[in-house]
Amino acid sequence: MKALDLIIIFGYLIGIVLFGTWFGRNQKTTADYFLGDRSVPWWAVAFSIVATETSTITFISIPGIAFARGGNFGFLQLVFGYLLGRIVISILFIPSYFRGELMTVYQLLDQRFGTKIKMVAASLFVVMRNIADGIRLLLTAIVLGAVCASFQVPASPATIIIVSIVLIGAAMIIFTYFGGMEAVIWVEVVQLGIYIAGAIAAAVVLINAIDGGLATVNSLANQFGKYSLFDFTFDHTRTFTFWSGLIGGCFLTMSTHGTDQYLVQRYLCTDRPRKAIVALLTSGAIVLAQFIGFLFIGVLLFAFYYTTGTVTEGGDRVFPDFITKYMPTGLSGLVVAAIFAAAMSSSLNSIAATAVNDLYKPFRPDRDDKHYLKVSHVLTLIWGVVQIGVALAVRNQPGSALSMALSIASLINGPILGVFLVGTFLRRVSQPPALIGMIVSIASMLYVFLGTKIAWTWYVFLGSLITFVVAWAASFAFAPAEKTISHIGPLGPVADEE
C-alpha cells in the first residue's frame, strides 16, 4: 500500500467524524437524538438495515468461510432463514411498534408485563450488543493493523492492533456522540455504496490476477465443491445445514430484526408501519445478493492463492492480507475505507436509547427532556469505552469472529424473543411466569453454550422455545394477566396510515 491509500483511509475517518458533528447541530430533544424526529424515508432505512447487517465481520469473515478448506456456499442456507424471519416480523411485530410513541422496543414489554421484564430484556441487549460490537471493532483494527504493517511501522503487531482499536473506537464515539441516530442512518446509506464499490473493485482485481480468469475460478470451485449449497443433514452440531439455516436463521432474524433495539430503532425512525415493512423486506433482497457476492469473493481468494501457491493465514485474515499486499494503489485504500464503512455502523446510540429509556428513567422519572438528552450523550461515551475494552480483551481469541459474535448474540436473544412471543400468543401469562421463563432460558442457554456441542444457529430457537414453554407451564401457578393489558402483535389499534 502507498501513501495515497493511507490518505483515503484517514480522510474517510475524519470525514465521518465531521459528518456526525454537522448532524448534531439541530438536535434539541431525545426524539431528535434517538429517532431523527421520525422523518427518515423508508429507502434510507432499508439501506441502513443492510449496512447494519453488513458489519466488518461480514466483510471479512464471509469470504473467509468460502475460502476455508471445505468451505462453500452453505452459509446461504442461513440467509434463506433471514428472509423468512423478515416476513414473520412484518406480520407479527411491526404493527405493535407504531402504537403510541415508543422510543425502544422494550417499552412493549413494559406495557405487556411490567417494568421488571422490560429491564431484564433491556439489560441483556446492552450486554450482548457491547460484546458483539467490541468484536466487530477488533476486526476493523486487524485491518488497520495490516495497513500499518504494509508501511513497515516500527512497532509490534500487538501494539499496532491496540492503537488501532483505540483510534477507530474514538472516531466511532465522536461521530455517534454528536450525530445521533439520524446521522448514523445517513452515513450508513453512504457506507453501503462505499463497501459495495470496494467489494466489486476487489472482485475485479482478483479475477484479473488469476491466470485464466473466471474459467479457472469455476474449474477450481467445482473441483473443490465451493459452489455446494444445500446440506439436508439433520445434525444439531453442524452450523450450516438446511434445517439449522431455515429454522435457526428465521428465529435469529426474528430476534435481531424484531426484538433488538439496534435494528428496531431504525423502523421507529419512519412514521408508518407500512414504510417500515417495505424497508425491511427490501433490505432482505439486497442482503441475499450481497452475501452471494461476499462468498464469491471467498472463492476468488481461494483460486488466487491456490494458483499462485502463496501462503496465507486464512480465516478472517485472508481478505485483509490480499487487500494490503496485492490491491493496486488507490483501490486498496478504497477497500480498506469500505471495511471501515462497515465498521462505523455504530450501535452506541441504540444502547444509549435503551439505557436511558428502559434502565435510567424508571429511577429518575420526573426529569425534563434536556436532562435525559445530556445523560444520553454521557452514556454514548461510556458504552464506546466499554466496546473498546471488549475489543482489547478478546484480541487474542482464536476462531472466526463471525461465529463468536453471532453465537453471543444468539445466546442472549433467544430468551428475549421468547418473552415477546409469550406476550403475543399466551394471553393468560402475567409477569411472574414470564420472568421465570426468561431466567430458566438464560440458565439453560448458558449450559448449552458451555456444556454441549449444539451449533450456535440453534441457540435462538432453543432459547425462545424454553422461555415460551416454561412461561406457559408456570402460568398455571399464578393468576392470569389482566384482560385490559396491551398485547404484543398485530392486535388492537395501529397508527393511522393516512
Protein backbone atom coordinates (compact mmCIF):
# COMPACT_ATOMS: atom_id res chain seq x y z
CA MET A 1 0.00 0.00 0.00
CA LYS A 2 1.13 3.55 -0.75
CA ALA A 3 0.69 6.99 0.81
CA LEU A 4 -2.40 7.61 -1.35
CA ASP A 5 -4.14 4.64 0.28
CA LEU A 6 -3.36 5.99 3.73
CA ILE A 7 -4.75 9.41 2.76
CA ILE A 8 -8.00 7.80 1.56
CA ILE A 9 -8.37 5.75 4.74
CA PHE A 10 -7.75 8.53 7.24
CA GLY A 11 -9.64 11.02 5.08
CA TYR A 12 -12.66 8.75 5.39
CA LEU A 13 -12.35 8.51 9.19
CA ILE A 14 -12.03 12.28 9.53
CA GLY A 15 -14.96 12.82 7.17
CA ILE A 16 -17.19 10.53 9.23
CA VAL A 17 -16.36 12.43 12.42
CA LEU A 18 -17.08 15.79 10.77
CA PHE A 19 -20.33 14.46 9.27
CA GLY A 20 -21.57 13.36 12.68
CA THR A 21 -20.69 16.72 14.20
CA TRP A 22 -22.58 18.53 11.42
CA PHE A 23 -25.72 16.46 12.01
CA GLY A 24 -25.67 17.24 15.71
CA ARG A 25 -26.37 20.94 15.20
CA ASN A 26 -30.18 20.50 15.01
CA GLN A 27 -30.69 18.02 17.83
CA LYS A 28 -32.70 19.56 20.62
CA THR A 29 -34.63 16.60 22.08
CA THR A 30 -34.21 12.90 22.78
CA ALA A 31 -36.65 12.20 19.91
CA ASP A 32 -34.24 14.00 17.58
CA TYR A 33 -31.23 12.18 19.01
CA PHE A 34 -32.73 8.69 19.02
CA LEU A 35 -35.31 8.70 16.17
CA GLY A 36 -34.44 11.54 13.79
CA ASP A 37 -37.86 13.04 14.60
CA ARG A 38 -39.44 10.02 12.79
CA SER A 39 -38.90 11.67 9.41
CA VAL A 40 -36.36 9.35 7.72
CA PRO A 41 -37.54 7.96 4.31
CA TRP A 42 -38.16 4.21 4.04
CA TRP A 43 -35.45 3.63 1.40
CA ALA A 44 -32.81 5.18 3.64
CA VAL A 45 -33.98 2.92 6.46
CA ALA A 46 -33.72 -0.10 4.11
CA PHE A 47 -30.15 0.78 3.16
CA SER A 48 -29.36 1.40 6.82
CA ILE A 49 -30.66 -2.06 7.78
CA VAL A 50 -28.40 -3.63 5.13
CA ALA A 51 -25.40 -1.60 6.26
CA THR A 52 -26.11 -2.53 9.87
CA GLU A 53 -26.38 -6.22 8.98
CA THR A 54 -23.20 -5.99 6.90
CA SER A 55 -20.64 -5.23 9.54
CA THR A 56 -16.89 -5.63 9.29
CA ILE A 57 -17.49 -9.17 10.48
CA THR A 58 -19.47 -9.83 7.30
CA PHE A 59 -16.98 -8.07 5.04
CA ILE A 60 -14.04 -10.04 6.37
CA SER A 61 -15.43 -13.32 7.74
CA ILE A 62 -17.86 -14.31 4.95
CA PRO A 63 -15.12 -14.50 2.26
CA GLY A 64 -13.09 -16.47 4.81
CA ILE A 65 -15.90 -19.04 5.12
CA ALA A 66 -15.92 -19.83 1.39
CA PHE A 67 -12.10 -19.66 1.25
CA ALA A 68 -11.52 -22.19 4.04
CA ARG A 69 -10.78 -25.86 3.49
CA GLY A 70 -14.16 -27.49 2.88
CA GLY A 71 -15.81 -24.06 2.69
CA ASN A 72 -18.68 -23.48 0.26
CA PHE A 73 -21.91 -21.52 -0.26
CA GLY A 74 -23.66 -23.35 2.58
CA PHE A 75 -23.86 -20.12 4.58
CA LEU A 76 -26.70 -19.04 2.26
CA GLN A 77 -28.95 -21.62 3.93
CA LEU A 78 -28.84 -19.30 6.95
CA VAL A 79 -29.65 -16.31 4.72
CA PHE A 80 -32.81 -18.07 3.49
CA GLY A 81 -33.85 -18.20 7.13
CA TYR A 82 -33.10 -14.47 7.36
CA LEU A 83 -35.62 -13.84 4.57
CA LEU A 84 -38.31 -15.98 6.20
CA GLY A 85 -37.75 -14.20 9.51
CA ARG A 86 -38.37 -10.81 7.85
CA ILE A 87 -41.77 -11.95 6.62
CA VAL A 88 -42.74 -13.15 10.11
CA ILE A 89 -41.61 -9.86 11.68
CA SER A 90 -43.64 -7.84 9.17
CA ILE A 91 -46.79 -9.73 10.14
CA LEU A 92 -46.21 -10.35 13.83
CA PHE A 93 -44.29 -7.44 15.36
CA ILE A 94 -44.08 -4.29 13.24
CA PRO A 95 -47.74 -3.24 13.77
CA SER A 96 -47.02 -3.11 17.51
CA TYR A 97 -44.15 -0.67 17.11
CA PHE A 98 -46.44 2.11 15.94
CA ARG A 99 -48.91 2.05 18.81
CA GLY A 100 -48.13 5.13 20.83
CA GLU A 101 -44.77 6.91 20.83
CA LEU A 102 -42.21 4.19 21.50
CA MET A 103 -38.55 5.10 21.94
CA THR A 104 -37.41 1.49 22.35
CA VAL A 105 -38.88 -1.89 21.51
CA TYR A 106 -38.61 -2.97 25.16
CA GLN A 107 -41.33 -0.49 26.13
CA LEU A 108 -43.74 -3.01 24.56
CA LEU A 109 -42.71 -5.47 27.27
CA ASP A 110 -43.42 -2.82 29.90
CA GLN A 111 -46.94 -2.38 28.53
CA ARG A 112 -47.50 -6.15 28.44
CA PHE A 113 -45.73 -7.44 31.57
CA GLY A 114 -44.40 -4.52 33.59
CA THR A 115 -41.08 -2.88 34.40
CA LYS A 116 -39.12 -5.93 35.60
CA ILE A 117 -39.40 -7.86 32.32
CA LYS A 118 -38.57 -4.72 30.35
CA MET A 119 -35.44 -4.07 32.42
CA VAL A 120 -34.21 -7.66 32.16
CA ALA A 121 -34.60 -7.64 28.35
CA ALA A 122 -33.02 -4.20 28.04
CA SER A 123 -30.07 -5.24 30.23
CA LEU A 124 -29.48 -8.37 28.15
CA PHE A 125 -29.49 -6.25 24.99
CA VAL A 126 -26.96 -3.78 26.43
CA VAL A 127 -24.59 -6.59 27.46
CA MET A 128 -24.89 -8.59 24.22
CA ARG A 129 -24.57 -5.61 21.90
CA ASN A 130 -21.49 -4.24 23.61
CA ILE A 131 -19.76 -7.62 23.38
CA ALA A 132 -20.71 -8.25 19.75
CA ASP A 133 -19.69 -4.78 18.61
CA GLY A 134 -16.48 -4.92 20.58
CA ILE A 135 -15.61 -7.96 18.45
CA ARG A 136 -16.53 -6.03 15.31
CA LEU A 137 -14.24 -3.19 16.41
CA LEU A 138 -11.41 -5.71 16.84
CA LEU A 139 -11.82 -6.98 13.29
CA THR A 140 -11.60 -3.46 11.90
CA ALA A 141 -8.47 -2.87 13.95
CA ILE A 142 -6.93 -6.00 12.45
CA VAL A 143 -7.39 -4.46 9.01
CA LEU A 144 -5.83 -1.16 10.07
CA GLY A 145 -3.02 -3.14 11.66
CA ALA A 146 -2.38 -4.89 8.34
CA VAL A 147 -2.30 -1.48 6.64
CA CYS A 148 0.26 -0.18 9.13
CA ALA A 149 2.34 -3.34 8.73
CA SER A 150 2.48 -2.78 4.97
CA PHE A 151 4.06 0.61 5.69
CA GLN A 152 6.61 -1.11 7.95
CA VAL A 153 5.57 0.84 11.02
CA PRO A 154 8.27 0.32 13.69
CA ALA A 155 6.01 -1.36 16.26
CA SER A 156 4.99 -4.89 17.17
CA PRO A 157 1.78 -6.32 15.62
CA ALA A 158 0.18 -6.45 19.08
CA THR A 159 0.91 -2.78 19.71
CA ILE A 160 -0.44 -1.80 16.29
CA ILE A 161 -3.70 -3.67 16.97
CA ILE A 162 -4.14 -1.99 20.36
CA VAL A 163 -3.52 1.50 18.96
CA SER A 164 -5.87 0.76 16.04
CA ILE A 165 -8.67 -0.33 18.38
CA VAL A 166 -8.39 2.88 20.37
CA LEU A 167 -8.16 5.08 17.26
CA ILE A 168 -11.17 3.59 15.45
CA GLY A 169 -13.17 3.38 18.68
CA ALA A 170 -12.54 7.08 19.35
CA ALA A 171 -13.72 8.04 15.86
CA MET A 172 -16.88 5.96 16.35
CA ILE A 173 -17.60 7.55 19.73
CA ILE A 174 -17.19 11.14 18.47
CA PHE A 175 -19.31 10.51 15.37
CA THR A 176 -22.19 8.96 17.34
CA TYR A 177 -21.91 11.31 20.32
CA PHE A 178 -22.65 14.35 18.19
CA GLY A 179 -24.63 12.91 15.26
CA GLY A 180 -27.28 10.74 16.90
CA MET A 181 -29.41 8.16 15.11
CA GLU A 182 -30.23 10.24 12.04
CA ALA A 183 -26.53 10.74 11.33
CA VAL A 184 -25.94 7.00 11.80
CA ILE A 185 -28.64 6.16 9.22
CA TRP A 186 -27.50 8.64 6.58
CA VAL A 187 -23.86 7.69 6.98
CA GLU A 188 -24.89 4.04 6.58
CA VAL A 189 -26.58 4.94 3.28
CA VAL A 190 -23.24 6.34 2.09
CA GLN A 191 -21.36 3.41 3.60
CA LEU A 192 -23.49 0.90 1.68
CA GLY A 193 -22.33 2.43 -1.59
CA ILE A 194 -18.71 2.58 -0.43
CA TYR A 195 -18.37 -1.02 0.67
CA ILE A 196 -20.29 -2.41 -2.32
CA ALA A 197 -17.95 -0.45 -4.59
CA GLY A 198 -14.99 -1.73 -2.59
CA ALA A 199 -16.15 -5.33 -2.83
CA ILE A 200 -16.72 -5.06 -6.59
CA ALA A 201 -13.27 -3.49 -7.02
CA ALA A 202 -11.65 -6.34 -5.07
CA ALA A 203 -13.53 -8.95 -7.15
CA VAL A 204 -12.42 -7.36 -10.44
CA VAL A 205 -8.79 -7.22 -9.31
CA LEU A 206 -8.92 -10.85 -8.19
CA ILE A 207 -10.38 -12.08 -11.49
CA ASN A 208 -7.72 -10.23 -13.46
CA ALA A 209 -4.96 -11.55 -11.18
CA ILE A 210 -5.93 -15.21 -11.65
CA ASP A 211 -4.38 -16.92 -14.65
CA GLY A 212 -7.33 -17.98 -16.81
CA GLY A 213 -9.78 -15.66 -15.06
CA LEU A 214 -13.29 -16.90 -14.35
CA ALA A 215 -12.75 -20.16 -16.25
CA THR A 216 -10.02 -21.13 -13.79
CA VAL A 217 -12.10 -19.94 -10.85
CA ASN A 218 -15.12 -22.03 -11.85
CA SER A 219 -12.98 -25.07 -12.56
CA LEU A 220 -11.35 -24.95 -9.12
CA ALA A 221 -14.65 -24.12 -7.43
CA ASN A 222 -16.31 -27.18 -8.97
CA GLN A 223 -13.29 -29.35 -8.21
CA PHE A 224 -13.31 -28.43 -4.51
CA GLY A 225 -17.09 -28.13 -4.09
CA LYS A 226 -17.05 -24.40 -3.40
CA TYR A 227 -20.46 -23.85 -5.00
CA SER A 228 -22.16 -26.52 -2.90
CA LEU A 229 -25.22 -25.03 -1.26
CA PHE A 230 -27.70 -27.38 0.38
CA ASP A 231 -26.99 -29.83 3.18
CA PHE A 232 -30.15 -31.59 4.33
CA THR A 233 -28.38 -33.49 7.11
CA PHE A 234 -30.21 -33.10 10.42
CA ASP A 235 -27.20 -32.71 12.69
CA HIS A 236 -27.56 -30.26 15.57
CA THR A 237 -23.78 -29.93 15.90
CA ARG A 238 -23.27 -28.60 12.37
CA THR A 239 -23.55 -24.85 11.89
CA PHE A 240 -24.70 -24.52 8.29
CA THR A 241 -27.33 -27.05 7.23
CA PHE A 242 -30.69 -26.51 5.55
CA TRP A 243 -32.64 -27.07 8.77
CA SER A 244 -30.41 -25.04 11.07
CA GLY A 245 -30.28 -22.33 8.41
CA LEU A 246 -34.01 -22.08 7.70
CA ILE A 247 -35.29 -22.58 11.25
CA GLY A 248 -32.34 -21.14 13.14
CA GLY A 249 -31.88 -18.28 10.68
CA CYS A 250 -35.57 -17.41 10.88
CA PHE A 251 -35.55 -17.25 14.67
CA LEU A 252 -32.20 -15.41 14.70
CA THR A 253 -33.65 -12.73 12.41
CA MET A 254 -36.87 -12.56 14.40
CA SER A 255 -34.72 -11.72 17.41
CA THR A 256 -32.16 -9.38 15.82
CA HIS A 257 -34.58 -7.58 13.48
CA GLY A 258 -37.75 -7.94 15.53
CA THR A 259 -36.86 -7.60 19.22
CA ASP A 260 -33.39 -5.99 19.19
CA GLN A 261 -33.30 -2.23 19.66
CA TYR A 262 -30.27 -1.92 17.35
CA LEU A 263 -32.46 -2.62 14.30
CA VAL A 264 -35.97 -1.88 15.54
CA GLN A 265 -34.85 1.70 16.26
CA ARG A 266 -34.44 2.17 12.51
CA TYR A 267 -38.09 1.25 11.87
CA LEU A 268 -39.13 3.76 14.52
CA CYS A 269 -37.38 6.50 12.52
CA THR A 270 -40.22 6.23 9.95
CA ASP A 271 -43.77 7.39 10.67
CA ARG A 272 -45.83 4.46 9.29
CA PRO A 273 -45.79 0.66 9.83
CA ARG A 274 -46.19 0.18 6.06
CA LYS A 275 -42.96 2.08 5.39
CA ALA A 276 -41.12 0.01 7.99
CA ILE A 277 -42.34 -3.24 6.39
CA VAL A 278 -41.29 -2.15 2.89
CA ALA A 279 -37.87 -1.12 4.24
CA LEU A 280 -37.37 -4.47 5.99
CA LEU A 281 -38.41 -6.64 3.03
CA THR A 282 -36.35 -4.57 0.57
CA SER A 283 -33.32 -4.97 2.79
CA GLY A 284 -33.75 -8.76 2.61
CA ALA A 285 -33.38 -8.84 -1.18
CA ILE A 286 -30.24 -6.68 -1.01
CA VAL A 287 -28.76 -8.78 1.79
CA LEU A 288 -29.19 -12.01 -0.18
CA ALA A 289 -27.41 -10.52 -3.19
CA GLN A 290 -24.54 -9.16 -1.15
CA PHE A 291 -23.94 -12.40 0.78
CA ILE A 292 -23.71 -14.23 -2.55
CA GLY A 293 -21.18 -11.61 -3.62
CA PHE A 294 -19.03 -11.90 -0.50
CA LEU A 295 -19.00 -15.71 -0.70
CA PHE A 296 -17.93 -15.45 -4.33
CA ILE A 297 -15.06 -13.20 -3.28
CA GLY A 298 -14.02 -16.03 -0.94
CA VAL A 299 -13.99 -18.40 -3.93
CA LEU A 300 -11.90 -15.89 -5.89
CA LEU A 301 -9.45 -15.64 -3.00
CA PHE A 302 -9.20 -19.42 -2.88
CA ALA A 303 -8.47 -19.59 -6.61
CA PHE A 304 -5.90 -16.78 -6.38
CA TYR A 305 -3.88 -18.29 -3.54
CA TYR A 306 -4.22 -21.81 -4.97
CA THR A 307 -2.93 -20.86 -8.43
CA THR A 308 -0.13 -18.62 -7.15
CA GLY A 309 0.98 -21.03 -4.45
CA THR A 310 1.12 -18.15 -1.98
CA VAL A 311 0.82 -18.98 1.70
CA THR A 312 -1.69 -17.07 3.83
CA GLU A 313 -3.14 -17.48 7.32
CA GLY A 314 -6.68 -17.89 6.01
CA GLY A 315 -9.84 -17.29 8.03
CA ASP A 316 -10.59 -13.69 8.96
CA ARG A 317 -7.14 -12.55 7.83
CA VAL A 318 -7.16 -13.76 4.22
CA PHE A 319 -9.09 -10.83 2.73
CA PRO A 320 -7.08 -8.15 4.61
CA ASP A 321 -3.90 -9.93 3.51
CA PHE A 322 -4.90 -9.70 -0.16
CA ILE A 323 -6.06 -6.09 0.13
CA THR A 324 -2.86 -4.81 1.68
CA LYS A 325 -0.43 -6.86 -0.43
CA TYR A 326 -1.97 -7.22 -3.87
CA MET A 327 -4.55 -4.49 -4.47
CA PRO A 328 -3.39 -1.56 -6.69
CA THR A 329 -2.66 1.79 -5.08
CA GLY A 330 -5.84 3.77 -4.52
CA LEU A 331 -8.11 0.74 -4.81
CA SER A 332 -6.61 -0.83 -1.71
CA GLY A 333 -7.34 2.40 0.15
CA LEU A 334 -10.91 2.32 -1.16
CA VAL A 335 -11.46 -1.27 0.02
CA VAL A 336 -9.99 -0.58 3.46
CA ALA A 337 -12.21 2.51 3.69
CA ALA A 338 -15.11 0.20 2.74
CA ILE A 339 -14.24 -2.08 5.65
CA PHE A 340 -14.19 0.93 7.94
CA ALA A 341 -17.54 1.94 6.47
CA ALA A 342 -18.99 -1.40 7.53
CA ALA A 343 -17.49 -0.94 11.00
CA MET A 344 -18.86 2.54 11.57
CA SER A 345 -22.45 1.28 11.75
CA SER A 346 -22.46 2.29 15.39
CA SER A 347 -24.72 0.68 17.98
CA LEU A 348 -23.85 3.26 20.63
CA ASN A 349 -26.96 5.36 20.02
CA SER A 350 -29.24 2.31 20.31
CA ILE A 351 -27.54 1.20 23.51
CA ALA A 352 -27.84 4.70 24.95
CA ALA A 353 -31.53 4.86 23.96
CA THR A 354 -32.18 1.58 25.78
CA ALA A 355 -30.13 2.53 28.83
CA VAL A 356 -31.84 5.91 29.21
CA ASN A 357 -35.46 4.98 28.44
CA ASP A 358 -35.60 1.49 29.92
CA LEU A 359 -32.99 1.44 32.69
CA TYR A 360 -32.47 5.05 33.82
CA LYS A 361 -35.90 6.69 33.56
CA PRO A 362 -37.63 4.24 35.96
CA PHE A 363 -35.32 5.54 38.70
CA ARG A 364 -35.39 9.21 37.57
CA PRO A 365 -38.91 9.56 36.15
CA ASP A 366 -39.56 13.26 36.66
CA ARG A 367 -36.62 14.95 34.93
CA ASP A 368 -37.02 17.17 31.89
CA ASP A 369 -36.04 16.10 28.37
CA LYS A 370 -32.84 18.16 28.39
CA HIS A 371 -31.61 16.12 31.33
CA TYR A 372 -32.27 12.84 29.50
CA LEU A 373 -30.53 14.18 26.40
CA LYS A 374 -27.46 15.03 28.46
CA VAL A 375 -27.46 11.57 30.05
CA SER A 376 -27.78 10.04 26.56
CA HIS A 377 -24.59 11.78 25.45
CA VAL A 378 -22.72 10.65 28.56
CA LEU A 379 -23.86 7.04 28.11
CA THR A 380 -22.82 7.09 24.44
CA LEU A 381 -19.32 7.94 25.61
CA ILE A 382 -19.34 5.28 28.34
CA TRP A 383 -20.56 2.46 26.08
CA GLY A 384 -17.97 3.42 23.46
CA VAL A 385 -15.23 2.96 26.05
CA VAL A 386 -16.77 -0.38 27.05
CA GLN A 387 -16.65 -1.62 23.43
CA ILE A 388 -13.02 -0.59 23.16
CA GLY A 389 -12.38 -2.61 26.32
CA VAL A 390 -14.14 -5.67 24.88
CA ALA A 391 -12.06 -5.46 21.69
CA LEU A 392 -8.86 -5.30 23.73
CA ALA A 393 -9.95 -8.22 25.92
CA VAL A 394 -10.76 -10.64 23.06
CA ARG A 395 -7.99 -9.67 20.61
CA ASN A 396 -6.08 -12.94 21.14
CA GLN A 397 -9.06 -15.31 20.93
CA PRO A 398 -8.83 -18.00 18.20
CA GLY A 399 -11.55 -18.86 15.70
CA SER A 400 -13.90 -16.96 13.44
CA ALA A 401 -15.08 -13.60 14.71
CA LEU A 402 -18.35 -14.14 12.82
CA SER A 403 -19.14 -17.30 14.76
CA MET A 404 -18.05 -15.69 18.04
CA ALA A 405 -20.22 -12.61 17.57
CA LEU A 406 -23.29 -14.47 16.29
CA SER A 407 -23.09 -17.14 18.98
CA ILE A 408 -23.00 -14.48 21.71
CA ALA A 409 -25.92 -12.63 20.13
CA SER A 410 -27.87 -15.86 19.67
CA LEU A 411 -27.23 -16.92 23.26
CA ILE A 412 -28.97 -13.86 24.72
CA ASN A 413 -31.51 -13.06 22.01
CA GLY A 414 -33.38 -16.34 22.47
CA PRO A 415 -34.84 -15.53 25.91
CA ILE A 416 -35.74 -12.00 24.71
CA LEU A 417 -37.55 -13.26 21.59
CA GLY A 418 -39.23 -15.90 23.72
CA VAL A 419 -40.82 -13.37 26.05
CA PHE A 420 -42.05 -11.34 23.05
CA LEU A 421 -43.68 -14.50 21.68
CA VAL A 422 -45.22 -15.16 25.09
CA GLY A 423 -46.63 -11.64 25.08
CA THR A 424 -48.07 -12.22 21.62
CA PHE A 425 -49.61 -15.69 21.88
CA LEU A 426 -50.13 -16.54 25.58
CA ARG A 427 -52.72 -14.10 26.86
CA ARG A 428 -53.05 -15.62 30.33
CA VAL A 429 -49.33 -15.29 31.16
CA SER A 430 -48.57 -12.48 33.61
CA GLN A 431 -45.22 -11.02 34.69
CA PRO A 432 -44.06 -13.69 37.23
CA PRO A 433 -44.28 -16.73 34.91
CA ALA A 434 -42.79 -14.73 32.03
CA LEU A 435 -39.85 -13.76 34.25
CA ILE A 436 -39.43 -17.38 35.35
CA GLY A 437 -39.39 -18.45 31.70
CA MET A 438 -36.63 -15.96 30.88
CA ILE A 439 -34.48 -16.94 33.88
CA VAL A 440 -34.77 -20.66 33.14
CA SER A 441 -34.00 -19.99 29.47
CA ILE A 442 -30.89 -17.92 30.25
CA ALA A 443 -29.56 -20.62 32.60
CA SER A 444 -30.34 -23.35 30.07
CA MET A 445 -28.64 -21.50 27.23
CA LEU A 446 -25.51 -20.94 29.31
CA TYR A 447 -25.35 -24.71 29.76
CA VAL A 448 -25.94 -25.25 26.02
CA PHE A 449 -23.18 -22.77 25.21
CA LEU A 450 -20.62 -24.08 27.69
CA GLY A 451 -21.52 -27.77 28.03
CA THR A 452 -22.78 -29.01 24.65
CA LYS A 453 -21.75 -29.11 21.01
CA ILE A 454 -25.05 -27.72 19.71
CA ALA A 455 -24.36 -25.28 16.84
CA TRP A 456 -24.99 -21.59 17.56
CA THR A 457 -27.52 -21.44 14.73
CA TRP A 458 -29.96 -23.29 17.01
CA TYR A 459 -29.45 -21.05 20.05
CA VAL A 460 -32.23 -18.51 19.44
CA PHE A 461 -34.75 -21.22 18.56
CA LEU A 462 -33.91 -23.19 21.73
CA GLY A 463 -33.80 -20.12 23.96
CA SER A 464 -37.13 -18.79 22.77
CA LEU A 465 -38.75 -22.25 22.93
CA ILE A 466 -37.61 -22.78 26.53
CA THR A 467 -38.89 -19.33 27.54
CA PHE A 468 -42.25 -19.98 25.86
CA VAL A 469 -42.83 -23.46 27.31
CA VAL A 470 -41.66 -22.65 30.84
CA ALA A 471 -43.71 -19.42 30.97
CA TRP A 472 -46.79 -21.31 29.78
CA ALA A 473 -46.32 -24.08 32.38
CA ALA A 474 -45.58 -21.63 35.20
CA SER A 475 -48.64 -19.51 34.35
CA PHE A 476 -50.94 -22.13 35.90
CA ALA A 477 -49.38 -21.40 39.29
CA PHE A 478 -50.18 -17.67 39.08
CA ALA A 479 -53.21 -15.51 38.49
CA PRO A 480 -53.81 -14.83 34.79
CA ALA A 481 -52.89 -11.49 33.25
CA GLU A 482 -55.50 -8.75 33.33
CA LYS A 483 -57.71 -8.60 30.26
CA THR A 484 -57.02 -4.88 29.88
CA ILE A 485 -53.32 -5.21 29.16
CA SER A 486 -51.86 -4.22 25.79
CA HIS A 487 -50.80 -7.33 23.85
CA ILE A 488 -47.82 -7.52 21.56
CA GLY A 489 -48.52 -8.46 17.95
CA PRO A 490 -50.91 -7.47 15.15
CA LEU A 491 -53.79 -6.80 17.57
CA GLY A 492 -55.55 -3.63 18.60
CA PRO A 493 -55.29 -0.13 17.13
CA VAL A 494 -52.36 0.74 14.87
CA ALA A 495 -51.03 4.17 13.88
CA ASP A 496 -53.04 5.97 11.20
CA GLU A 497 -51.87 5.04 7.71
CA GLU A 498 -53.17 8.15 6.04
